Amino acid sequence: MPGFKRLALWAGLVLCIAFTAWVVWGFLQFDEDIERPREGGFSGWQCDAGPDCQDR
């Protein structure tokens, strides 16, 4: 049983790290969308449907 507990702790640690990385990645993508809005993207509401929007 001690091996199972150790495995469960390592699996939990890996899941926590993966979740944290996923949240950070989402924040970076959100920040990118706010800084460089584009038509049809998440932050399309920032665009005036003109030269303010950038194509990626």
PDB file of N, CA and C in Angstrom:
ATOM      1  N   MET A   1       0.784  -1.212   0.000  1.00  0.00           N
ATOM      2  CA  MET A   1       0.000   0.000   0.000  1.00  0.00           C
ATOM      3  C   MET A   1       0.831   1.286   0.000  1.00  0.00           C
ATOM      4  N   PRO A   2       2.016   1.303   0.616  1.00  0.00           N
ATOM      5  CA  PRO A   2       2.787   2.559   0.602  1.00  0.00           C
ATOM      6  C   PRO A   2       3.137   3.003  -0.817  1.00  0.00           C
ATOM      7  N   GLY A   3       3.335   2.054  -1.728  1.00  0.00           N
ATOM      8  CA  GLY A   3       3.637   2.403  -3.117  1.00  0.00           C
ATOM      9  C   GLY A   3       2.458   3.086  -3.791  1.00  0.00           C
ATOM     10  N   PHE A   4       1.252   2.650  -3.447  1.00  0.00           N
ATOM     11  CA  PHE A   4       0.053   3.248  -4.021  1.00  0.00           C
ATOM     12  C   PHE A   4      -0.107   4.693  -3.548  1.00  0.00           C
ATOM     13  N   LYS A   5       0.166   4.934  -2.278  1.00  0.00           N
ATOM     14  CA  LYS A   5       0.053   6.295  -1.746  1.00  0.00           C
ATOM     15  C   LYS A   5       1.055   7.227  -2.427  1.00  0.00           C
ATOM     16  N   ARG A   6       2.262   6.731  -2.599  1.00  0.00           N
ATOM     17  CA  ARG A   6       3.294   7.536  -3.251  1.00  0.00           C
ATOM     18  C   ARG A   6       2.908   7.829  -4.702  1.00  0.00           C
ATOM     19  N   LEU A   7       2.391   6.811  -5.394  1.00  0.00           N
ATOM     20  CA  LEU A   7       1.951   6.996  -6.775  1.00  0.00           C
ATOM     21  C   LEU A   7       0.805   7.997  -6.847  1.00  0.00           C
ATOM     22  N   ALA A   8      -0.138   7.906  -5.916  1.00  0.00           N
ATOM     23  CA  ALA A   8      -1.268   8.837  -5.888  1.00  0.00           C
ATOM     24  C   ALA A   8      -0.786  10.271  -5.639  1.00  0.00           C
ATOM     25  N   LEU A   9       0.174  10.452  -4.758  1.00  0.00           N
ATOM     26  CA  LEU A   9       0.709  11.786  -4.499  1.00  0.00           C
ATOM     27  C   LEU A   9       1.414  12.356  -5.736  1.00  0.00           C
ATOM     28  N   TRP A  10       2.204  11.545  -6.415  1.00  0.00           N
ATOM     29  CA  TRP A  10       2.880  12.005  -7.622  1.00  0.00           C
ATOM     30  C   TRP A  10       1.867  12.325  -8.725  1.00  0.00           C
ATOM     31  N   ALA A  11       0.852  11.490  -8.855  1.00  0.00           N
ATOM     32  CA  ALA A  11      -0.183  11.749  -9.862  1.00  0.00           C
ATOM     33  C   ALA A  11      -0.908  13.059  -9.540  1.00  0.00           C
ATOM     34  N   GLY A  12      -1.199  13.297  -8.276  1.00  0.00           N
ATOM     35  CA  GLY A  12      -1.833  14.550  -7.876  1.00  0.00           C
ATOM     36  C   GLY A  12      -0.944  15.746  -8.179  1.00  0.00           C
ATOM     37  N   LEU A  13       0.342  15.607  -7.922  1.00  0.00           N
ATOM     38  CA  LEU A  13       1.289  16.685  -8.208  1.00  0.00           C
ATOM     39  C   LEU A  13       1.331  16.986  -9.701  1.00  0.00           C
ATOM     40  N   VAL A  14       1.372  15.946 -10.511  1.00  0.00           N
ATOM     41  CA  VAL A  14       1.392  16.131 -11.970  1.00  0.00           C
ATOM     42  C   VAL A  14       0.111  16.815 -12.431  1.00  0.00           C
ATOM     43  N   LEU A  15      -1.029  16.422 -11.888  1.00  0.00           N
ATOM     44  CA  LEU A  15      -2.294  17.058 -12.260  1.00  0.00           C
ATOM     45  C   LEU A  15      -2.323  18.528 -11.853  1.00  0.00           C
ATOM     46  N   CYS A  16      -1.804  18.845 -10.686  1.00  0.00           N
ATOM     47  CA  CYS A  16      -1.751  20.240 -10.237  1.00  0.00           C
ATOM     48  C   CYS A  16      -0.863  21.084 -11.143  1.00  0.00           C
ATOM     49  N   ILE A  17       0.277  20.532 -11.519  1.00  0.00           N
ATOM     50  CA  ILE A  17       1.189  21.254 -12.412  1.00  0.00           C
ATOM     51  C   ILE A  17       0.544  21.452 -13.787  1.00  0.00           C
ATOM     52  N   ALA A  18      -0.109  20.417 -14.293  1.00  0.00           N
ATOM     53  CA  ALA A  18      -0.768  20.525 -15.599  1.00  0.00           C
ATOM     54  C   ALA A  18      -1.891  21.560 -15.553  1.00  0.00           C
ATOM     55  N   PHE A  19      -2.672  21.568 -14.493  1.00  0.00           N
ATOM     56  CA  PHE A  19      -3.757  22.532 -14.363  1.00  0.00           C
ATOM     57  C   PHE A  19      -3.203  23.958 -14.287  1.00  0.00           C
ATOM     58  N   THR A  20      -2.150  24.142 -13.519  1.00  0.00           N
ATOM     59  CA  THR A  20      -1.538  25.469 -13.396  1.00  0.00           C
ATOM     60  C   THR A  20      -1.008  25.940 -14.742  1.00  0.00           C
ATOM     61  N   ALA A  21      -0.355  25.054 -15.487  1.00  0.00           N
ATOM     62  CA  ALA A  21       0.158  25.411 -16.809  1.00  0.00           C
ATOM     63  C   ALA A  21      -0.988  25.777 -17.747  1.00  0.00           C
ATOM     64  N   TRP A  22      -2.101  25.064 -17.678  1.00  0.00           N
ATOM     65  CA  TRP A  22      -3.271  25.334 -18.511  1.00  0.00           C
ATOM     66  C   TRP A  22      -3.864  26.708 -18.189  1.00  0.00           C
ATOM     67  N   VAL A  23      -3.940  27.052 -16.919  1.00  0.00           N
ATOM     68  CA  VAL A  23      -4.465  28.358 -16.509  1.00  0.00           C
ATOM     69  C   VAL A  23      -3.538  29.476 -16.981  1.00  0.00           C
ATOM     70  N   VAL A  24      -2.234  29.298 -16.823  1.00  0.00           N
ATOM     71  CA  VAL A  24      -1.271  30.311 -17.264  1.00  0.00           C
ATOM     72  C   VAL A  24      -1.355  30.489 -18.778  1.00  0.00           C
ATOM     73  N   TRP A  25      -1.448  29.401 -19.522  1.00  0.00           N
ATOM     74  CA  TRP A  25      -1.563  29.469 -20.983  1.00  0.00           C
ATOM     75  C   TRP A  25      -2.831  30.234 -21.382  1.00  0.00           C
ATOM     76  N   GLY A  26      -3.934  29.954 -20.704  1.00  0.00           N
ATOM     77  CA  GLY A  26      -5.179  30.662 -20.984  1.00  0.00           C
ATOM     78  C   GLY A  26      -5.053  32.149 -20.705  1.00  0.00           C
ATOM     79  N   PHE A  27      -4.391  32.497 -19.608  1.00  0.00           N
ATOM     80  CA  PHE A  27      -4.191  33.908 -19.295  1.00  0.00           C
ATOM     81  C   PHE A  27      -3.342  34.586 -20.361  1.00  0.00           C
ATOM     82  N   LEU A  28      -2.287  33.924 -20.816  1.00  0.00           N
ATOM     83  CA  LEU A  28      -1.430  34.507 -21.848  1.00  0.00           C
ATOM     84  C   LEU A  28      -2.196  34.699 -23.155  1.00  0.00           C
ATOM     85  N   GLN A  29      -3.037  33.752 -23.513  1.00  0.00           N
ATOM     86  CA  GLN A  29      -3.842  33.882 -24.723  1.00  0.00           C
ATOM     87  C   GLN A  29      -4.835  35.038 -24.580  1.00  0.00           C
ATOM     88  N   PHE A  30      -5.446  35.150 -23.411  1.00  0.00           N
ATOM     89  CA  PHE A  30      -6.389  36.238 -23.151  1.00  0.00           C
ATOM     90  C   PHE A  30      -5.676  37.582 -23.251  1.00  0.00           C
ATOM     91  N   ASP A  31      -4.492  37.676 -22.656  1.00  0.00           N
ATOM     92  CA  ASP A  31      -3.721  38.914 -22.699  1.00  0.00           C
ATOM     93  C   ASP A  31      -3.364  39.278 -24.135  1.00  0.00           C
ATOM     94  N   GLU A  32      -2.995  38.282 -24.929  1.00  0.00           N
ATOM     95  CA  GLU A  32      -2.664  38.507 -26.341  1.00  0.00           C
ATOM     96  C   GLU A  32      -3.890  39.031 -27.095  1.00  0.00           C
ATOM     97  N   ASP A  33      -5.060  38.463 -26.833  1.00  0.00           N
ATOM     98  CA  ASP A  33      -6.285  38.908 -27.505  1.00  0.00           C
ATOM     99  C   ASP A  33      -6.653  40.332 -27.113  1.00  0.00           C
ATOM    100  N   ILE A  34      -6.393  40.696 -25.877  1.00  0.00           N
ATOM    101  CA  ILE A  34      -6.698  42.053 -25.436  1.00  0.00           C
ATOM    102  C   ILE A  34      -5.717  43.047 -26.066  1.00  0.00           C
ATOM    103  N   GLU A  35      -4.441  42.685 -26.120  1.00  0.00           N
ATOM    104  CA  GLU A  35      -3.420  43.578 -26.681  1.00  0.00           C
ATOM    105  C   GLU A  35      -3.544  43.726 -28.194  1.00  0.00           C
ATOM    106  N   ARG A  36      -3.874  42.641 -28.879  1.00  0.00           N
ATOM    107  CA  ARG A  36      -3.946  42.669 -30.344  1.00  0.00           C
ATOM    108  C   ARG A  36      -5.284  42.087 -30.803  1.00  0.00           C
ATOM    109  N   PRO A  37      -6.329  42.890 -30.720  1.00  0.00           N
ATOM    110  CA  PRO A  37      -7.658  42.376 -31.116  1.00  0.00           C
ATOM    111  C   PRO A  37      -7.722  42.107 -32.611  1.00  0.00           C
ATOM    112  N   ARG A  38      -8.581  41.220 -32.984  1.00  0.00           N
ATOM    113  CA  ARG A  38      -8.784  40.931 -34.399  1.00  0.00           C
ATOM    114  C   ARG A  38     -10.261  40.673 -34.617  1.00  0.00           C
ATOM    115  N   GLU A  39     -10.700  40.945 -35.815  1.00  0.00           N
ATOM    116  CA  GLU A  39     -12.104  40.734 -36.142  1.00  0.00           C
ATOM    117  C   GLU A  39     -12.428  39.253 -36.083  1.00  0.00           C
ATOM    118  N   GLY A  40     -13.533  38.924 -35.481  1.00  0.00           N
ATOM    119  CA  GLY A  40     -13.967  37.541 -35.401  1.00  0.00           C
ATOM    120  C   GLY A  40     -13.332  36.769 -34.272  1.00  0.00           C
ATOM    121  N   GLY A  41     -12.355  37.339 -33.580  1.00  0.00           N
ATOM    122  CA  GLY A  41     -11.715  36.659 -32.465  1.00  0.00           C
ATOM    123  C   GLY A  41     -12.446  36.926 -31.165  1.00  0.00           C
ATOM    124  N   PHE A  42     -11.852  36.473 -30.079  1.00  0.00           N
ATOM    125  CA  PHE A  42     -12.457  36.653 -28.757  1.00  0.00           C
ATOM    126  C   PHE A  42     -12.711  38.118 -28.466  1.00  0.00           C
ATOM    127  N   SER A  43     -11.733  38.965 -28.791  1.00  0.00           N
ATOM    128  CA  SER A  43     -11.859  40.377 -28.458  1.00  0.00           C
ATOM    129  C   SER A  43     -12.287  41.202 -29.669  1.00  0.00           C
ATOM    130  N   GLY A  44     -13.076  40.621 -30.545  1.00  0.00           N
ATOM    131  CA  GLY A  44     -13.569  41.341 -31.705  1.00  0.00           C
ATOM    132  C   GLY A  44     -14.415  42.539 -31.319  1.00  0.00           C
ATOM    133  N   TRP A  45     -14.968  42.527 -30.128  1.00  0.00           N
ATOM    134  CA  TRP A  45     -15.769  43.657 -29.658  1.00  0.00           C
ATOM    135  C   TRP A  45     -14.926  44.917 -29.504  1.00  0.00           C
ATOM    136  N   GLN A  46     -13.598  44.779 -29.443  1.00  0.00           N
ATOM    137  CA  GLN A  46     -12.726  45.942 -29.336  1.00  0.00           C
ATOM    138  C   GLN A  46     -12.490  46.602 -30.689  1.00  0.00           C
ATOM    139  N   CYS A  47     -12.763  45.890 -31.749  1.00  0.00           N
ATOM    140  CA  CYS A  47     -12.466  46.387 -33.086  1.00  0.00           C
ATOM    141  C   CYS A  47     -13.618  47.239 -33.614  1.00  0.00           C
ATOM    142  N   ASP A  48     -13.261  48.208 -34.417  1.00  0.00           N
ATOM    143  CA  ASP A  48     -14.266  49.015 -35.098  1.00  0.00           C
ATOM    144  C   ASP A  48     -14.480  48.479 -36.511  1.00  0.00           C
ATOM    145  N   ALA A  49     -14.182  47.219 -36.718  1.00  0.00           N
ATOM    146  CA  ALA A  49     -14.306  46.586 -38.035  1.00  0.00           C
ATOM    147  C   ALA A  49     -13.526  47.384 -39.074  1.00  0.00           C
ATOM    148  N   GLY A  50     -12.325  47.724 -38.740  1.00  0.00           N
ATOM    149  CA  GLY A  50     -11.514  48.513 -39.659  1.00  0.00           C
ATOM    150  C   GLY A  50     -10.045  48.288 -39.408  1.00  0.00           C
ATOM    151  N   PRO A  51      -9.250  49.338 -39.547  1.00  0.00           N
ATOM    152  CA  PRO A  51      -7.798  49.206 -39.435  1.00  0.00           C
ATOM    153  C   PRO A  51      -7.312  48.924 -38.012  1.00  0.00           C
ATOM    154  N   ASP A  52      -8.177  49.044 -37.027  1.00  0.00           N
ATOM    155  CA  ASP A  52      -7.742  48.762 -35.649  1.00  0.00           C
ATOM    156  C   ASP A  52      -7.482  47.286 -35.426  1.00  0.00           C
ATOM    157  N   CYS A  53      -8.076  46.453 -36.236  1.00  0.00           N
ATOM    158  CA  CYS A  53      -7.944  45.006 -36.061  1.00  0.00           C
ATOM    159  C   CYS A  53      -6.764  44.488 -36.856  1.00  0.00           C
ATOM    160  N   GLN A  54      -6.123  43.465 -36.309  1.00  0.00           N
ATOM    161  CA  GLN A  54      -4.979  42.862 -36.984  1.00  0.00           C
ATOM    162  C   GLN A  54      -5.353  41.459 -37.436  1.00  0.00           C
ATOM    163  N   ASP A  55      -4.852  41.093 -38.585  1.00  0.00           N
ATOM    164  CA  ASP A  55      -5.029  39.718 -39.052  1.00  0.00           C
ATOM    165  C   ASP A  55      -3.867  38.894 -38.545  1.00  0.00           C
ATOM    166  N   ARG A  56      -4.141  37.685 -38.129  1.00  0.00           N
ATOM    167  CA  ARG A  56      -3.071  36.788 -37.691  1.00  0.00           C
ATOM    168  C   ARG A  56      -2.989  35.632 -38.640  1.00  0.00           C
TER     169      ARG A  56
END
